[in-house]
Amino acid sequence: WDKKGEGASAEPMVRALQGLTGTVAGNDYRPREVLAVHSYVAELDVGMVLKVDMEQVMAPAVEAAVLLVLISILAVVVLMTVLAVVTRLIWRRVEEGWQQTQKKVEEEKEQFGVL
Protein backbone atom coordinates (compact mmCIF):
# COMPACT_ATOMS: atom_id res chain seq x y z
CA TRP A 1 0.00 0.00 0.00
CA ASP A 2 1.51 3.24 -1.08
CA LYS A 3 2.43 5.37 1.95
CA LYS A 4 4.08 8.17 -0.06
CA GLY A 5 1.45 8.95 -2.68
CA GLU A 6 3.61 7.73 -5.56
CA GLY A 7 0.88 5.61 -7.09
CA ALA A 8 -1.62 2.86 -6.46
CA SER A 9 -0.63 -0.37 -4.75
CA ALA A 10 -2.36 -3.71 -4.77
CA GLU A 11 -1.70 -4.56 -1.11
CA PRO A 12 -5.39 -4.67 -0.06
CA MET A 13 -6.29 -6.98 -2.97
CA VAL A 14 -3.23 -9.15 -2.38
CA ARG A 15 -4.27 -9.57 1.24
CA ALA A 16 -7.84 -10.37 0.22
CA LEU A 17 -6.68 -13.03 -2.25
CA GLN A 18 -4.52 -14.53 0.50
CA GLY A 19 -7.74 -15.09 2.43
CA LEU A 20 -7.14 -12.25 4.89
CA THR A 21 -9.79 -9.87 6.11
CA GLY A 22 -8.97 -6.47 7.56
CA THR A 23 -8.33 -2.81 6.97
CA VAL A 24 -5.39 -0.91 5.53
CA ALA A 25 -4.82 2.85 5.49
CA GLY A 26 -2.73 4.45 2.78
CA ASN A 27 -2.78 6.47 -0.42
CA ASP A 28 -4.60 5.38 -3.56
CA TYR A 29 -3.89 6.20 -7.22
CA ARG A 30 -5.11 9.85 -6.97
CA PRO A 31 -3.07 10.05 -4.45
CA ARG A 32 -5.53 10.54 -1.62
CA GLU A 33 -5.44 9.02 1.82
CA VAL A 34 -8.01 6.23 2.01
CA LEU A 35 -9.15 3.49 4.33
CA ALA A 36 -9.42 0.17 2.50
CA VAL A 37 -11.36 -2.83 3.81
CA HIS A 38 -10.43 -6.14 2.21
CA SER A 39 -11.85 -9.66 2.35
CA TYR A 40 -11.85 -12.90 0.39
CA VAL A 41 -15.26 -14.16 -0.79
CA ALA A 42 -14.76 -17.93 -1.01
CA GLU A 43 -18.14 -18.64 -2.66
CA LEU A 44 -17.19 -16.51 -5.62
CA ASP A 45 -13.42 -17.13 -5.43
CA VAL A 46 -12.75 -13.38 -5.53
CA GLY A 47 -11.09 -10.79 -3.38
CA MET A 48 -13.09 -7.71 -2.51
CA VAL A 49 -11.72 -4.29 -1.60
CA LEU A 50 -13.77 -1.28 -0.52
CA LYS A 51 -12.01 2.08 -0.34
CA VAL A 52 -13.31 5.22 1.35
CA ASP A 53 -11.54 8.58 1.45
CA MET A 54 -10.19 9.23 4.93
CA GLU A 55 -11.68 12.72 4.65
CA GLN A 56 -15.15 11.14 4.52
CA VAL A 57 -14.35 8.78 7.37
CA MET A 58 -13.17 11.63 9.59
CA ALA A 59 -15.84 14.20 8.62
CA PRO A 60 -18.27 13.38 11.47
CA ALA A 61 -15.47 13.60 14.05
CA VAL A 62 -14.26 16.92 12.65
CA GLU A 63 -17.81 18.32 12.69
CA ALA A 64 -18.29 17.16 16.27
CA ALA A 65 -14.99 18.74 17.31
CA VAL A 66 -15.90 22.08 15.70
CA LEU A 67 -19.32 22.01 17.37
CA LEU A 68 -17.72 21.21 20.73
CA VAL A 69 -15.30 24.12 20.40
CA LEU A 70 -18.11 26.54 19.48
CA ILE A 71 -20.29 25.37 22.38
CA SER A 72 -17.31 25.69 24.74
CA ILE A 73 -16.59 29.24 23.59
CA LEU A 74 -20.26 30.16 24.01
CA ALA A 75 -20.32 28.62 27.50
CA VAL A 76 -17.21 30.57 28.52
CA VAL A 77 -18.71 33.85 27.25
CA VAL A 78 -22.00 33.22 29.09
CA LEU A 79 -20.23 32.25 32.32
CA MET A 80 -17.93 35.29 32.14
CA THR A 81 -20.96 37.54 31.66
CA VAL A 82 -22.78 35.98 34.62
CA LEU A 83 -19.63 36.30 36.73
CA ALA A 84 -19.25 39.98 35.79
CA VAL A 85 -22.87 40.73 36.71
CA VAL A 86 -22.70 38.87 40.03
CA THR A 87 -19.37 40.50 40.89
CA ARG A 88 -20.79 43.94 40.15
CA LEU A 89 -23.81 43.27 42.41
CA ILE A 90 -21.60 42.06 45.25
CA TRP A 91 -19.24 45.02 44.83
CA ARG A 92 -22.17 47.47 45.05
CA ARG A 93 -23.24 45.90 48.35
CA VAL A 94 -19.70 46.13 49.68
CA GLU A 95 -19.48 49.81 48.68
CA GLU A 96 -22.87 50.54 50.26
CA GLY A 97 -21.77 48.81 53.46
CA TRP A 98 -18.50 50.75 53.45
CA GLN A 99 -20.33 54.07 52.98
CA GLN A 100 -22.74 53.25 55.81
CA THR A 101 -19.83 52.35 58.06
CA GLN A 102 -18.04 55.60 57.19
CA LYS A 103 -21.22 57.56 57.90
CA LYS A 104 -21.63 55.89 61.31
CA VAL A 105 -17.99 56.56 62.18
CA GLU A 106 -18.45 60.25 61.33
CA GLU A 107 -21.63 60.39 63.43
CA GLU A 108 -19.83 58.77 66.38
CA LYS A 109 -16.96 61.24 66.03
CA GLU A 110 -19.38 64.15 66.14
CA GLN A 111 -21.27 62.64 69.10
CA PHE A 112 -18.12 62.18 71.19
CA GLY A 113 -16.38 65.28 69.88
CA VAL A 114 -13.52 63.44 68.23
CA LEU A 115 -11.96 65.13 65.22
C-alpha atoms as a PDB file:
ATOM      1  CA  TRP A   1       0.000   0.000   0.000  1.00  0.00           C
ATOM      2  CA  ASP A   2       1.510   3.239  -1.079  1.00  0.00           C
ATOM      3  CA  LYS A   3       2.425   5.374   1.945  1.00  0.00           C
ATOM      4  CA  LYS A   4       4.083   8.168  -0.059  1.00  0.00           C
ATOM      5  CA  GLY A   5       1.450   8.948  -2.682  1.00  0.00           C
ATOM      6  CA  GLU A   6       3.615   7.731  -5.561  1.00  0.00           C
ATOM      7  CA  GLY A   7       0.876   5.610  -7.090  1.00  0.00           C
ATOM      8  CA  ALA A   8      -1.620   2.863  -6.459  1.00  0.00           C
ATOM      9  CA  SER A   9      -0.629  -0.366  -4.750  1.00  0.00           C
ATOM     10  CA  ALA A  10      -2.359  -3.711  -4.771  1.00  0.00           C
ATOM     11  CA  GLU A  11      -1.705  -4.564  -1.115  1.00  0.00           C
ATOM     12  CA  PRO A  12      -5.390  -4.673  -0.060  1.00  0.00           C
ATOM     13  CA  MET A  13      -6.285  -6.985  -2.970  1.00  0.00           C
ATOM     14  CA  VAL A  14      -3.228  -9.147  -2.382  1.00  0.00           C
ATOM     15  CA  ARG A  15      -4.269  -9.569   1.239  1.00  0.00           C
ATOM     16  CA  ALA A  16      -7.840 -10.369   0.220  1.00  0.00           C
ATOM     17  CA  LEU A  17      -6.675 -13.026  -2.251  1.00  0.00           C
ATOM     18  CA  GLN A  18      -4.522 -14.527   0.504  1.00  0.00           C
ATOM     19  CA  GLY A  19      -7.740 -15.088   2.434  1.00  0.00           C
ATOM     20  CA  LEU A  20      -7.135 -12.251   4.889  1.00  0.00           C
ATOM     21  CA  THR A  21      -9.793  -9.868   6.108  1.00  0.00           C
ATOM     22  CA  GLY A  22      -8.966  -6.469   7.556  1.00  0.00           C
ATOM     23  CA  THR A  23      -8.327  -2.813   6.974  1.00  0.00           C
ATOM     24  CA  VAL A  24      -5.387  -0.911   5.535  1.00  0.00           C
ATOM     25  CA  ALA A  25      -4.818   2.848   5.490  1.00  0.00           C
ATOM     26  CA  GLY A  26      -2.731   4.446   2.777  1.00  0.00           C
ATOM     27  CA  ASN A  27      -2.778   6.469  -0.424  1.00  0.00           C
ATOM     28  CA  ASP A  28      -4.602   5.382  -3.564  1.00  0.00           C
ATOM     29  CA  TYR A  29      -3.892   6.202  -7.220  1.00  0.00           C
ATOM     30  CA  ARG A  30      -5.113   9.849  -6.975  1.00  0.00           C
ATOM     31  CA  PRO A  31      -3.069  10.047  -4.452  1.00  0.00           C
ATOM     32  CA  ARG A  32      -5.529  10.545  -1.619  1.00  0.00           C
ATOM     33  CA  GLU A  33      -5.445   9.025   1.823  1.00  0.00           C
ATOM     34  CA  VAL A  34      -8.006   6.234   2.007  1.00  0.00           C
ATOM     35  CA  LEU A  35      -9.147   3.486   4.327  1.00  0.00           C
ATOM     36  CA  ALA A  36      -9.420   0.166   2.503  1.00  0.00           C
ATOM     37  CA  VAL A  37     -11.360  -2.827   3.810  1.00  0.00           C
ATOM     38  CA  HIS A  38     -10.432  -6.139   2.208  1.00  0.00           C
ATOM     39  CA  SER A  39     -11.848  -9.655   2.355  1.00  0.00           C
ATOM     40  CA  TYR A  40     -11.855 -12.903   0.392  1.00  0.00           C
ATOM     41  CA  VAL A  41     -15.260 -14.165  -0.795  1.00  0.00           C
ATOM     42  CA  ALA A  42     -14.764 -17.934  -1.006  1.00  0.00           C
ATOM     43  CA  GLU A  43     -18.135 -18.645  -2.657  1.00  0.00           C
ATOM     44  CA  LEU A  44     -17.187 -16.506  -5.623  1.00  0.00           C
ATOM     45  CA  ASP A  45     -13.423 -17.126  -5.433  1.00  0.00           C
ATOM     46  CA  VAL A  46     -12.745 -13.379  -5.532  1.00  0.00           C
ATOM     47  CA  GLY A  47     -11.088 -10.790  -3.381  1.00  0.00           C
ATOM     48  CA  MET A  48     -13.094  -7.707  -2.512  1.00  0.00           C
ATOM     49  CA  VAL A  49     -11.716  -4.288  -1.604  1.00  0.00           C
ATOM     50  CA  LEU A  50     -13.772  -1.285  -0.518  1.00  0.00           C
ATOM     51  CA  LYS A  51     -12.009   2.079  -0.338  1.00  0.00           C
ATOM     52  CA  VAL A  52     -13.314   5.224   1.346  1.00  0.00           C
ATOM     53  CA  ASP A  53     -11.544   8.578   1.453  1.00  0.00           C
ATOM     54  CA  MET A  54     -10.189   9.226   4.932  1.00  0.00           C
ATOM     55  CA  GLU A  55     -11.678  12.722   4.655  1.00  0.00           C
ATOM     56  CA  GLN A  56     -15.152  11.145   4.524  1.00  0.00           C
ATOM     57  CA  VAL A  57     -14.345   8.779   7.374  1.00  0.00           C
ATOM     58  CA  MET A  58     -13.170  11.631   9.593  1.00  0.00           C
ATOM     59  CA  ALA A  59     -15.841  14.203   8.617  1.00  0.00           C
ATOM     60  CA  PRO A  60     -18.268  13.381  11.471  1.00  0.00           C
ATOM     61  CA  ALA A  61     -15.466  13.595  14.047  1.00  0.00           C
ATOM     62  CA  VAL A  62     -14.262  16.917  12.647  1.00  0.00           C
ATOM     63  CA  GLU A  63     -17.813  18.323  12.686  1.00  0.00           C
ATOM     64  CA  ALA A  64     -18.293  17.158  16.271  1.00  0.00           C
ATOM     65  CA  ALA A  65     -14.988  18.743  17.315  1.00  0.00           C
ATOM     66  CA  VAL A  66     -15.899  22.078  15.697  1.00  0.00           C
ATOM     67  CA  LEU A  67     -19.316  22.013  17.372  1.00  0.00           C
ATOM     68  CA  LEU A  68     -17.724  21.210  20.728  1.00  0.00           C
ATOM     69  CA  VAL A  69     -15.299  24.125  20.402  1.00  0.00           C
ATOM     70  CA  LEU A  70     -18.112  26.541  19.476  1.00  0.00           C
ATOM     71  CA  ILE A  71     -20.289  25.372  22.383  1.00  0.00           C
ATOM     72  CA  SER A  72     -17.308  25.687  24.741  1.00  0.00           C
ATOM     73  CA  ILE A  73     -16.594  29.237  23.588  1.00  0.00           C
ATOM     74  CA  LEU A  74     -20.262  30.161  24.014  1.00  0.00           C
ATOM     75  CA  ALA A  75     -20.316  28.623  27.497  1.00  0.00           C
ATOM     76  CA  VAL A  76     -17.208  30.568  28.521  1.00  0.00           C
ATOM     77  CA  VAL A  77     -18.705  33.852  27.255  1.00  0.00           C
ATOM     78  CA  VAL A  78     -21.999  33.219  29.087  1.00  0.00           C
ATOM     79  CA  LEU A  79     -20.227  32.252  32.322  1.00  0.00           C
ATOM     80  CA  MET A  80     -17.934  35.291  32.142  1.00  0.00           C
ATOM     81  CA  THR A  81     -20.961  37.543  31.660  1.00  0.00           C
ATOM     82  CA  VAL A  82     -22.775  35.982  34.623  1.00  0.00           C
ATOM     83  CA  LEU A  83     -19.627  36.300  36.733  1.00  0.00           C
ATOM     84  CA  ALA A  84     -19.250  39.975  35.794  1.00  0.00           C
ATOM     85  CA  VAL A  85     -22.872  40.732  36.707  1.00  0.00           C
ATOM     86  CA  VAL A  86     -22.702  38.873  40.027  1.00  0.00           C
ATOM     87  CA  THR A  87     -19.369  40.496  40.887  1.00  0.00           C
ATOM     88  CA  ARG A  88     -20.794  43.937  40.147  1.00  0.00           C
ATOM     89  CA  LEU A  89     -23.805  43.269  42.405  1.00  0.00           C
ATOM     90  CA  ILE A  90     -21.595  42.065  45.252  1.00  0.00           C
ATOM     91  CA  TRP A  91     -19.244  45.018  44.830  1.00  0.00           C
ATOM     92  CA  ARG A  92     -22.174  47.469  45.048  1.00  0.00           C
ATOM     93  CA  ARG A  93     -23.242  45.903  48.352  1.00  0.00           C
ATOM     94  CA  VAL A  94     -19.696  46.131  49.678  1.00  0.00           C
ATOM     95  CA  GLU A  95     -19.483  49.806  48.684  1.00  0.00           C
ATOM     96  CA  GLU A  96     -22.866  50.543  50.263  1.00  0.00           C
ATOM     97  CA  GLY A  97     -21.767  48.810  53.462  1.00  0.00           C
ATOM     98  CA  TRP A  98     -18.501  50.750  53.450  1.00  0.00           C
ATOM     99  CA  GLN A  99     -20.326  54.072  52.979  1.00  0.00           C
ATOM    100  CA  GLN A 100     -22.735  53.248  55.807  1.00  0.00           C
ATOM    101  CA  THR A 101     -19.827  52.351  58.058  1.00  0.00           C
ATOM    102  CA  GLN A 102     -18.040  55.598  57.188  1.00  0.00           C
ATOM    103  CA  LYS A 103     -21.218  57.560  57.896  1.00  0.00           C
ATOM    104  CA  LYS A 104     -21.631  55.885  61.305  1.00  0.00           C
ATOM    105  CA  VAL A 105     -17.995  56.561  62.182  1.00  0.00           C
ATOM    106  CA  GLU A 106     -18.449  60.249  61.329  1.00  0.00           C
ATOM    107  CA  GLU A 107     -21.633  60.388  63.428  1.00  0.00           C
ATOM    108  CA  GLU A 108     -19.834  58.773  66.376  1.00  0.00           C
ATOM    109  CA  LYS A 109     -16.957  61.244  66.032  1.00  0.00           C
ATOM    110  CA  GLU A 110     -19.378  64.152  66.142  1.00  0.00           C
ATOM    111  CA  GLN A 111     -21.269  62.645  69.095  1.00  0.00           C
ATOM    112  CA  PHE A 112     -18.122  62.181  71.189  1.00  0.00           C
ATOM    113  CA  GLY A 113     -16.382  65.277  69.884  1.00  0.00           C
ATOM    114  CA  VAL A 114     -13.517  63.443  68.227  1.00  0.00           C
ATOM    115  CA  LEU A 115     -11.957  65.132  65.223  1.00  0.00           C
END
